Protein backbone atom coordinates (compact mmCIF):
# COMPACT_ATOMS: atom_id res chain seq x y z
CA UNK A 1 30.32 82.88 126.79
CA UNK A 2 31.01 79.81 128.91
CA UNK A 3 29.34 76.42 128.98
CA UNK A 4 29.77 74.80 132.40
CA UNK A 5 29.50 71.07 133.08
CA UNK A 6 29.31 70.21 136.79
CA UNK A 7 29.60 66.73 138.30
CA UNK A 8 27.99 66.27 141.68
CA UNK A 9 27.61 63.52 144.20
CA UNK A 10 24.05 63.29 145.53
CA UNK A 11 24.22 60.97 148.54
CA UNK A 12 21.32 58.52 148.48
CA UNK A 13 19.35 60.92 146.23
CA UNK A 14 19.28 63.64 148.91
CA UNK A 15 19.64 66.92 146.95
CA UNK A 16 20.22 68.89 150.17
CA UNK A 17 23.48 66.97 150.68
CA UNK A 18 24.71 67.26 147.07
CA UNK A 19 28.27 68.46 146.56
CA UNK A 20 30.39 69.24 143.54
CA UNK A 21 33.35 67.01 142.72
CA UNK A 22 34.44 68.28 139.29
CA UNK A 23 33.78 71.17 136.93
CA UNK A 24 34.56 71.77 133.27
CA UNK A 25 34.21 75.29 131.84
CA UNK A 26 34.28 75.53 128.04
CA UNK A 27 34.69 79.10 126.78
CA UNK A 28 34.63 80.44 123.26
CA UNK A 29 36.90 83.04 121.78
CA UNK A 30 37.03 84.46 118.30
CA UNK A 31 34.16 85.39 116.03
CA UNK A 32 33.36 82.24 114.08
CA UNK A 33 35.01 83.56 110.94
CA UNK A 34 36.18 80.09 109.85
CA UNK A 35 32.98 78.96 108.04
CA UNK A 36 30.83 79.35 111.16
CA UNK A 37 33.12 77.33 113.44
CA UNK A 38 34.01 78.87 116.78
CA UNK A 39 37.13 78.13 118.82
CA UNK A 40 36.81 76.92 122.41
CA UNK A 41 39.20 76.34 125.28
CA UNK A 42 38.35 74.38 128.40
CA UNK A 43 39.32 74.80 132.04
CA UNK A 44 39.09 71.82 134.38
CA UNK A 45 38.65 72.02 138.13
CA UNK A 46 38.83 69.15 140.57
CA UNK A 47 38.85 69.90 144.29
CA UNK A 48 41.62 72.52 144.72
CA UNK A 49 43.30 71.85 141.36
CA UNK A 50 42.42 74.04 138.37
CA UNK A 51 44.04 74.04 134.95
CA UNK A 52 43.42 75.05 131.37
CA UNK A 53 43.48 72.12 129.01
CA UNK A 54 46.36 72.43 126.50
CA UNK A 55 44.28 72.48 123.32
CA UNK A 56 41.58 74.33 121.42
CA UNK A 57 38.61 72.72 119.67
CA UNK A 58 36.58 74.08 116.77
CA UNK A 59 32.83 73.63 116.98
CA UNK A 60 29.90 74.64 114.79
CA UNK A 61 27.26 76.00 117.20
CA UNK A 62 24.36 74.43 115.31
CA UNK A 63 25.70 71.01 116.40
CA UNK A 64 24.65 71.74 119.99
CA UNK A 65 26.16 71.83 123.45
CA UNK A 66 26.53 68.09 123.97
CA UNK A 67 28.56 67.78 120.78
CA UNK A 68 30.91 70.48 122.10
CA UNK A 69 31.30 68.60 125.39
CA UNK A 70 31.98 65.38 123.44
CA UNK A 71 34.66 67.11 121.34
CA UNK A 72 36.45 68.42 124.43
CA UNK A 73 36.30 65.10 126.29
CA UNK A 74 37.48 63.09 123.29
CA UNK A 75 40.45 65.36 122.70
CA UNK A 76 41.33 65.56 126.39
CA UNK A 77 41.39 61.82 127.06
CA UNK A 78 43.57 60.79 124.07
């Protein structure tokens, strides 16, 4: 399963002219055998550039989607 975070520009609030500038796909793998924590890897896309981020995060699903996004962003920007 993949959680996708999309950043868009919406010129002057006009949704018809919105366009994507970045995308972050966070995908799980494994079965959550480590005390309910699942492992996730993220793929980043900006314009024509796409790359997997060089790390894995562990996340307990009950903590919610925004916590998973926070974990990925905090590890990525160190």
